[in-house]
Amino acid sequence: MTTDPDIGVLSGLLPDGQQWTVQPLLWGCYQLSIGRVGAGFYDRSWHYAGHDAVYKALAQWLEVYDDVIEPTGWHRAHDGTGRRRRDGDPTQEYIQW
């Protein structure tokens, strides 16, 4: 796991060798991204309402990563689908384009 204290970024490796990164966004939100190490961009990412939400989701996801394709608790997915979830609730998912 690596950190950059100047900008608040934390990153590490997933069991399949991809890199995960957590970084702060505007308005108190955080982004969890995954992608190939050294690629300079992410393949998929999810937005969370705050610091606690993103780190809780990351910790839970790392425990079940081999069996679960994405973390939980996010309110906006950046995977080309336009998916949103009110309050991070998967039963409240909708598409916004």
N, C-alpha and C. Protein backbone atom coordinates (compact mmCIF):
# COMPACT_ATOMS: atom_id res chain seq x y z
N MET A 1 0.85 -1.17 0.00
CA MET A 1 0.00 0.00 0.00
C MET A 1 0.90 1.24 0.00
N THR A 2 0.53 2.23 -0.80
CA THR A 2 1.29 3.47 -0.84
C THR A 2 0.37 4.64 -0.60
N THR A 3 0.93 5.72 -0.11
CA THR A 3 0.15 6.92 0.14
C THR A 3 0.89 8.13 -0.38
N ASP A 4 0.15 9.16 -0.74
CA ASP A 4 0.71 10.46 -1.07
C ASP A 4 0.02 11.46 -0.15
N PRO A 5 0.64 11.80 0.98
CA PRO A 5 -0.03 12.65 1.97
C PRO A 5 -0.35 14.05 1.47
N ASP A 6 0.33 14.51 0.44
CA ASP A 6 0.06 15.85 -0.06
C ASP A 6 -1.30 15.95 -0.73
N ILE A 7 -1.74 14.89 -1.35
CA ILE A 7 -3.03 14.94 -2.04
C ILE A 7 -4.03 13.93 -1.50
N GLY A 8 -3.66 13.16 -0.49
CA GLY A 8 -4.59 12.24 0.15
C GLY A 8 -4.92 11.00 -0.64
N VAL A 9 -4.02 10.56 -1.50
CA VAL A 9 -4.26 9.37 -2.31
C VAL A 9 -3.67 8.15 -1.63
N LEU A 10 -4.42 7.06 -1.66
CA LEU A 10 -3.97 5.79 -1.11
C LEU A 10 -4.15 4.74 -2.20
N SER A 11 -3.18 3.84 -2.38
CA SER A 11 -3.31 2.81 -3.41
C SER A 11 -2.68 1.51 -2.95
N GLY A 12 -3.05 0.43 -3.61
CA GLY A 12 -2.53 -0.90 -3.32
C GLY A 12 -2.87 -1.84 -4.44
N LEU A 13 -2.56 -3.10 -4.26
CA LEU A 13 -2.81 -4.10 -5.29
C LEU A 13 -3.95 -5.02 -4.91
N LEU A 14 -4.76 -5.35 -5.90
CA LEU A 14 -5.82 -6.32 -5.76
C LEU A 14 -5.25 -7.72 -5.96
N PRO A 15 -5.95 -8.76 -5.53
CA PRO A 15 -5.43 -10.12 -5.69
C PRO A 15 -5.09 -10.50 -7.13
N ASP A 16 -5.76 -9.89 -8.11
CA ASP A 16 -5.49 -10.22 -9.51
C ASP A 16 -4.38 -9.36 -10.13
N GLY A 17 -3.73 -8.52 -9.32
CA GLY A 17 -2.63 -7.71 -9.79
C GLY A 17 -3.00 -6.31 -10.26
N GLN A 18 -4.29 -6.00 -10.34
CA GLN A 18 -4.69 -4.64 -10.68
C GLN A 18 -4.41 -3.72 -9.50
N GLN A 19 -4.31 -2.45 -9.79
CA GLN A 19 -4.08 -1.46 -8.74
C GLN A 19 -5.39 -0.80 -8.36
N TRP A 20 -5.63 -0.68 -7.05
CA TRP A 20 -6.77 0.12 -6.57
C TRP A 20 -6.23 1.45 -6.06
N THR A 21 -7.02 2.49 -6.20
CA THR A 21 -6.63 3.82 -5.74
C THR A 21 -7.85 4.49 -5.11
N VAL A 22 -7.66 5.12 -3.97
CA VAL A 22 -8.69 5.95 -3.34
C VAL A 22 -8.18 7.37 -3.34
N GLN A 23 -9.03 8.29 -3.80
CA GLN A 23 -8.63 9.70 -3.82
C GLN A 23 -9.83 10.59 -3.51
N PRO A 24 -9.56 11.73 -2.89
CA PRO A 24 -10.64 12.65 -2.59
C PRO A 24 -11.12 13.38 -3.84
N LEU A 25 -12.40 13.70 -3.86
CA LEU A 25 -13.00 14.50 -4.92
C LEU A 25 -13.57 15.78 -4.29
N LEU A 26 -14.30 16.52 -5.05
CA LEU A 26 -14.95 17.73 -4.52
C LEU A 26 -16.14 17.38 -3.64
N TRP A 27 -16.57 18.31 -2.83
CA TRP A 27 -17.76 18.22 -1.99
C TRP A 27 -17.71 17.06 -1.01
N GLY A 28 -16.52 16.66 -0.58
CA GLY A 28 -16.38 15.62 0.42
C GLY A 28 -16.51 14.20 -0.09
N CYS A 29 -16.67 14.03 -1.40
CA CYS A 29 -16.79 12.69 -1.98
C CYS A 29 -15.41 12.08 -2.18
N TYR A 30 -15.38 10.75 -2.34
CA TYR A 30 -14.16 10.01 -2.62
C TYR A 30 -14.39 9.07 -3.79
N GLN A 31 -13.32 8.76 -4.50
CA GLN A 31 -13.38 7.85 -5.63
C GLN A 31 -12.50 6.64 -5.37
N LEU A 32 -13.04 5.46 -5.62
CA LEU A 32 -12.28 4.21 -5.60
C LEU A 32 -12.16 3.76 -7.04
N SER A 33 -10.94 3.60 -7.53
CA SER A 33 -10.69 3.23 -8.92
C SER A 33 -9.85 1.97 -8.98
N ILE A 34 -9.99 1.22 -10.08
CA ILE A 34 -9.11 0.10 -10.33
C ILE A 34 -8.63 0.15 -11.78
N GLY A 35 -7.42 -0.34 -11.99
CA GLY A 35 -6.86 -0.39 -13.33
C GLY A 35 -5.52 -1.09 -13.33
N ARG A 36 -4.94 -1.22 -14.49
CA ARG A 36 -3.64 -1.87 -14.61
C ARG A 36 -2.55 -1.01 -14.00
N VAL A 37 -1.62 -1.63 -13.33
CA VAL A 37 -0.50 -0.92 -12.71
C VAL A 37 0.32 -0.22 -13.79
N GLY A 38 0.59 1.06 -13.56
CA GLY A 38 1.42 1.84 -14.47
C GLY A 38 0.70 2.36 -15.70
N ALA A 39 -0.58 2.08 -15.83
CA ALA A 39 -1.32 2.51 -17.03
C ALA A 39 -1.57 4.02 -17.05
N GLY A 40 -1.62 4.65 -15.88
CA GLY A 40 -1.87 6.09 -15.83
C GLY A 40 -3.34 6.46 -15.91
N PHE A 41 -4.22 5.47 -15.94
CA PHE A 41 -5.66 5.72 -15.95
C PHE A 41 -6.35 4.53 -15.31
N TYR A 42 -7.63 4.65 -15.05
CA TYR A 42 -8.36 3.57 -14.43
C TYR A 42 -9.32 2.93 -15.43
N ASP A 43 -9.66 1.67 -15.19
CA ASP A 43 -10.63 0.98 -16.02
C ASP A 43 -12.06 1.15 -15.50
N ARG A 44 -12.19 1.14 -14.18
CA ARG A 44 -13.50 1.33 -13.55
C ARG A 44 -13.32 2.14 -12.28
N SER A 45 -14.35 2.87 -11.91
CA SER A 45 -14.29 3.61 -10.64
C SER A 45 -15.69 3.83 -10.11
N TRP A 46 -15.73 4.13 -8.81
CA TRP A 46 -16.99 4.34 -8.11
C TRP A 46 -16.82 5.52 -7.16
N HIS A 47 -17.87 6.33 -7.04
CA HIS A 47 -17.86 7.48 -6.13
C HIS A 47 -18.63 7.14 -4.85
N TYR A 48 -18.11 7.68 -3.75
CA TYR A 48 -18.68 7.48 -2.43
C TYR A 48 -18.96 8.82 -1.76
N ALA A 49 -19.92 8.81 -0.84
CA ALA A 49 -20.34 10.04 -0.18
C ALA A 49 -19.30 10.61 0.77
N GLY A 50 -18.34 9.81 1.23
CA GLY A 50 -17.34 10.33 2.16
C GLY A 50 -16.22 9.35 2.43
N HIS A 51 -15.30 9.81 3.26
CA HIS A 51 -14.10 9.06 3.64
C HIS A 51 -14.44 7.71 4.26
N ASP A 52 -15.31 7.70 5.26
CA ASP A 52 -15.65 6.46 5.95
C ASP A 52 -16.31 5.46 5.00
N ALA A 53 -17.18 5.95 4.14
CA ALA A 53 -17.90 5.06 3.21
C ALA A 53 -16.95 4.36 2.25
N VAL A 54 -15.99 5.10 1.69
CA VAL A 54 -15.09 4.49 0.70
C VAL A 54 -14.15 3.48 1.35
N TYR A 55 -13.63 3.79 2.53
CA TYR A 55 -12.71 2.85 3.17
C TYR A 55 -13.42 1.62 3.72
N LYS A 56 -14.66 1.78 4.15
CA LYS A 56 -15.45 0.62 4.58
C LYS A 56 -15.73 -0.29 3.38
N ALA A 57 -16.12 0.30 2.26
CA ALA A 57 -16.40 -0.48 1.05
C ALA A 57 -15.15 -1.19 0.56
N LEU A 58 -14.02 -0.50 0.56
CA LEU A 58 -12.77 -1.11 0.12
C LEU A 58 -12.39 -2.30 1.00
N ALA A 59 -12.45 -2.13 2.30
CA ALA A 59 -12.09 -3.20 3.22
C ALA A 59 -12.99 -4.42 3.02
N GLN A 60 -14.29 -4.19 2.88
CA GLN A 60 -15.22 -5.31 2.67
C GLN A 60 -14.97 -5.98 1.33
N TRP A 61 -14.69 -5.19 0.30
CA TRP A 61 -14.47 -5.74 -1.04
C TRP A 61 -13.20 -6.57 -1.10
N LEU A 62 -12.15 -6.12 -0.46
CA LEU A 62 -10.89 -6.86 -0.48
C LEU A 62 -11.05 -8.25 0.14
N GLU A 63 -11.96 -8.38 1.09
CA GLU A 63 -12.19 -9.68 1.73
C GLU A 63 -12.87 -10.68 0.79
N VAL A 64 -13.64 -10.20 -0.17
CA VAL A 64 -14.42 -11.09 -1.05
C VAL A 64 -14.12 -10.85 -2.53
N TYR A 65 -13.00 -10.22 -2.83
CA TYR A 65 -12.71 -9.75 -4.19
C TYR A 65 -12.84 -10.83 -5.25
N ASP A 66 -12.39 -12.02 -5.00
CA ASP A 66 -12.43 -13.08 -6.02
C ASP A 66 -13.84 -13.45 -6.43
N ASP A 67 -14.82 -13.20 -5.56
CA ASP A 67 -16.19 -13.60 -5.82
C ASP A 67 -17.13 -12.45 -6.15
N VAL A 68 -16.69 -11.21 -5.99
CA VAL A 68 -17.56 -10.05 -6.16
C VAL A 68 -16.92 -9.09 -7.15
N ILE A 69 -17.67 -8.71 -8.21
CA ILE A 69 -17.05 -7.93 -9.29
C ILE A 69 -16.94 -6.43 -9.01
N GLU A 70 -17.67 -5.93 -8.02
CA GLU A 70 -17.54 -4.52 -7.70
C GLU A 70 -17.85 -4.29 -6.22
N PRO A 71 -17.34 -3.18 -5.68
CA PRO A 71 -17.61 -2.88 -4.27
C PRO A 71 -19.06 -2.45 -4.08
N THR A 72 -19.46 -2.30 -2.83
CA THR A 72 -20.81 -1.86 -2.50
C THR A 72 -20.78 -0.45 -1.94
N GLY A 73 -21.94 0.16 -1.78
CA GLY A 73 -22.07 1.45 -1.11
C GLY A 73 -21.82 2.67 -1.95
N TRP A 74 -21.48 2.52 -3.22
CA TRP A 74 -21.19 3.67 -4.08
C TRP A 74 -22.49 4.34 -4.54
N HIS A 75 -22.37 5.62 -4.95
CA HIS A 75 -23.54 6.31 -5.47
C HIS A 75 -23.41 6.66 -6.95
N ARG A 76 -22.21 6.50 -7.52
CA ARG A 76 -22.01 6.77 -8.94
C ARG A 76 -20.92 5.84 -9.47
N ALA A 77 -21.22 5.12 -10.57
CA ALA A 77 -20.25 4.22 -11.18
C ALA A 77 -19.74 4.83 -12.48
N HIS A 78 -18.44 4.73 -12.69
CA HIS A 78 -17.83 5.16 -13.94
C HIS A 78 -17.33 3.93 -14.68
N ASP A 79 -18.24 3.23 -15.29
CA ASP A 79 -17.88 2.02 -16.02
C ASP A 79 -18.57 1.98 -17.38
N GLY A 80 -18.98 3.16 -17.86
CA GLY A 80 -19.63 3.25 -19.16
C GLY A 80 -21.11 2.93 -19.15
N THR A 81 -21.70 2.80 -17.97
CA THR A 81 -23.11 2.42 -17.88
C THR A 81 -24.04 3.56 -17.45
N GLY A 82 -23.51 4.61 -16.86
CA GLY A 82 -24.34 5.69 -16.35
C GLY A 82 -25.09 5.33 -15.08
N ARG A 83 -24.65 4.28 -14.40
CA ARG A 83 -25.37 3.82 -13.20
C ARG A 83 -25.17 4.76 -12.01
N ARG A 84 -26.26 4.94 -11.28
CA ARG A 84 -26.27 5.71 -10.04
C ARG A 84 -27.06 4.91 -9.01
N ARG A 85 -26.74 5.12 -7.72
CA ARG A 85 -27.49 4.47 -6.64
C ARG A 85 -27.78 5.49 -5.56
N ARG A 86 -29.03 5.74 -5.32
CA ARG A 86 -29.40 6.67 -4.24
C ARG A 86 -28.90 6.13 -2.91
N ASP A 87 -28.14 6.93 -2.21
CA ASP A 87 -27.59 6.57 -0.89
C ASP A 87 -26.81 5.26 -0.91
N GLY A 88 -26.26 4.88 -2.07
CA GLY A 88 -25.47 3.66 -2.18
C GLY A 88 -26.27 2.37 -2.13
N ASP A 89 -27.59 2.48 -2.22
CA ASP A 89 -28.47 1.32 -2.09
C ASP A 89 -28.66 0.65 -3.46
N PRO A 90 -28.24 -0.62 -3.62
CA PRO A 90 -28.38 -1.29 -4.91
C PRO A 90 -29.83 -1.46 -5.37
N THR A 91 -30.78 -1.44 -4.45
CA THR A 91 -32.19 -1.54 -4.86
C THR A 91 -32.70 -0.22 -5.43
N GLN A 92 -31.91 0.85 -5.28
CA GLN A 92 -32.28 2.18 -5.78
C GLN A 92 -31.44 2.57 -7.00
N GLU A 93 -30.95 1.59 -7.74
CA GLU A 93 -30.09 1.88 -8.89
C GLU A 93 -30.90 2.39 -10.07
N TYR A 94 -30.35 3.36 -10.79
CA TYR A 94 -30.98 3.90 -11.98
C TYR A 94 -29.89 4.33 -12.96
N ILE A 95 -30.26 4.60 -14.20
CA ILE A 95 -29.32 5.02 -15.23
C ILE A 95 -29.52 6.52 -15.49
N GLN A 96 -28.42 7.26 -15.52
CA GLN A 96 -28.49 8.70 -15.82
C GLN A 96 -27.51 9.01 -16.93
N TRP A 97 -28.03 9.48 -18.06
CA TRP A 97 -27.18 9.88 -19.19
C TRP A 97 -27.30 11.32 -19.46
